[in-house]
Amino acid sequence: MNIYDNLYCKIFIDTNEDMEGVLSSISDIVSVYRWTIISDSMEIDLRKNEDFSKKERVVKEDGFLYSRYYLDIESKENVKQEQYILSIATLLENL
């Protein structure tokens, strides 16, 4: 039984690292192909945040919305929700 209809996830990353540095950090956890990261349970696209603002990311309560990058994450077809959610948790812990 699925408890969620949609497993899409978006993670904002507030860092001064360049995209290669972010990919390097993530590649310790999953395989990386250009700007797409693939694991057994998900596909992740690393993207530049068009709303990035050095000032807004630190002064606003919801400053994470102004982070330099974000990850667009989709579950792979037929992956169990528990496995996908655990993979997201592991990714967050490692970031």
Protein backbone atom coordinates (compact mmCIF):
# COMPACT_ATOMS: atom_id res chain seq x y z
CA MET A 1 0.00 0.00 0.00
CA ASN A 2 1.32 3.43 -0.94
CA ILE A 3 0.91 6.11 1.69
CA TYR A 4 2.06 8.88 -0.68
CA ASP A 5 0.76 9.52 -4.18
CA ASN A 6 3.76 11.61 -5.22
CA LEU A 7 7.33 11.05 -4.07
CA TYR A 8 8.86 14.11 -5.77
CA CYS A 9 11.32 15.91 -3.53
CA LYS A 10 13.27 19.18 -3.79
CA ILE A 11 16.27 19.90 -1.56
CA PHE A 12 17.83 23.36 -1.37
CA ILE A 13 21.59 23.48 -0.81
CA ASP A 14 23.08 26.60 0.76
CA THR A 15 26.81 26.50 0.04
CA ASN A 16 29.58 28.57 -1.47
CA GLU A 17 30.90 25.45 -3.25
CA ASP A 18 30.78 25.38 -7.03
CA MET A 19 28.60 22.78 -8.73
CA GLU A 20 31.55 20.41 -9.16
CA GLY A 21 32.16 20.52 -5.39
CA VAL A 22 28.53 19.74 -4.65
CA LEU A 23 28.58 16.87 -7.15
CA SER A 24 31.75 15.55 -5.55
CA SER A 25 30.06 15.46 -2.16
CA ILE A 26 27.03 13.67 -3.54
CA SER A 27 29.06 11.23 -5.64
CA ASP A 28 30.28 9.57 -2.45
CA ILE A 29 26.69 8.34 -2.01
CA VAL A 30 25.44 7.73 -5.57
CA SER A 31 26.65 7.57 -9.20
CA VAL A 32 26.92 10.88 -11.08
CA TYR A 33 26.34 11.40 -14.82
CA ARG A 34 26.94 15.04 -15.79
CA TRP A 35 24.43 16.99 -13.67
CA THR A 36 22.18 13.98 -13.13
CA ILE A 37 22.79 11.73 -10.16
CA ILE A 38 21.43 8.18 -10.22
CA SER A 39 20.99 5.69 -7.41
CA ASP A 40 19.03 2.47 -7.00
CA SER A 41 15.98 4.35 -5.77
CA MET A 42 16.07 7.84 -7.31
CA GLU A 43 17.26 10.23 -10.00
CA ILE A 44 18.52 13.62 -8.89
CA ASP A 45 19.17 16.69 -11.02
CA LEU A 46 21.48 19.33 -9.55
CA ARG A 47 20.27 22.77 -10.66
CA LYS A 48 21.27 26.38 -10.16
CA ASN A 49 18.56 28.24 -8.27
CA GLU A 50 17.33 31.17 -10.39
CA ASP A 51 16.16 32.87 -7.16
CA PHE A 52 19.63 32.72 -5.55
CA SER A 53 20.43 35.76 -3.41
CA LYS A 54 23.41 36.10 -1.08
CA LYS A 55 21.49 38.58 1.05
CA GLU A 56 18.05 36.94 1.12
CA ARG A 57 19.42 33.50 2.03
CA VAL A 58 20.67 34.79 5.38
CA VAL A 59 18.21 37.52 6.36
CA LYS A 60 14.86 35.88 5.60
CA GLU A 61 13.19 33.27 7.79
CA ASP A 62 12.65 31.13 4.70
CA GLY A 63 16.12 31.94 3.37
CA PHE A 64 16.68 28.39 2.14
CA LEU A 65 14.51 29.32 -0.84
CA TYR A 66 17.35 31.61 -1.97
CA SER A 67 20.07 28.94 -1.77
CA ARG A 68 22.59 28.73 -4.61
CA TYR A 69 21.46 25.26 -5.78
CA TYR A 70 18.67 22.77 -5.40
CA LEU A 71 18.15 19.10 -6.12
CA ASP A 72 15.15 17.91 -8.13
CA ILE A 73 14.54 14.35 -6.99
CA GLU A 74 12.25 11.75 -8.52
CA SER A 75 11.84 8.17 -7.37
CA LYS A 76 12.73 5.43 -9.81
CA GLU A 77 9.88 3.36 -11.18
CA ASN A 78 8.78 0.50 -8.92
CA VAL A 79 10.93 1.57 -5.96
CA LYS A 80 9.36 0.95 -2.57
CA GLN A 81 8.43 4.13 -0.75
CA GLU A 82 10.29 3.07 2.38
CA GLN A 83 13.50 2.57 0.38
CA TYR A 84 13.07 5.95 -1.37
CA ILE A 85 12.43 7.83 1.87
CA LEU A 86 15.41 6.13 3.53
CA SER A 87 17.57 7.15 0.55
CA ILE A 88 16.45 10.78 0.91
CA ALA A 89 17.25 10.66 4.63
CA THR A 90 20.72 9.25 3.91
CA LEU A 91 21.34 11.95 1.31
CA LEU A 92 20.31 14.68 3.76
CA GLU A 93 22.50 13.26 6.53
CA ASN A 94 25.51 13.15 4.20
CA LEU A 95 24.98 16.66 2.88
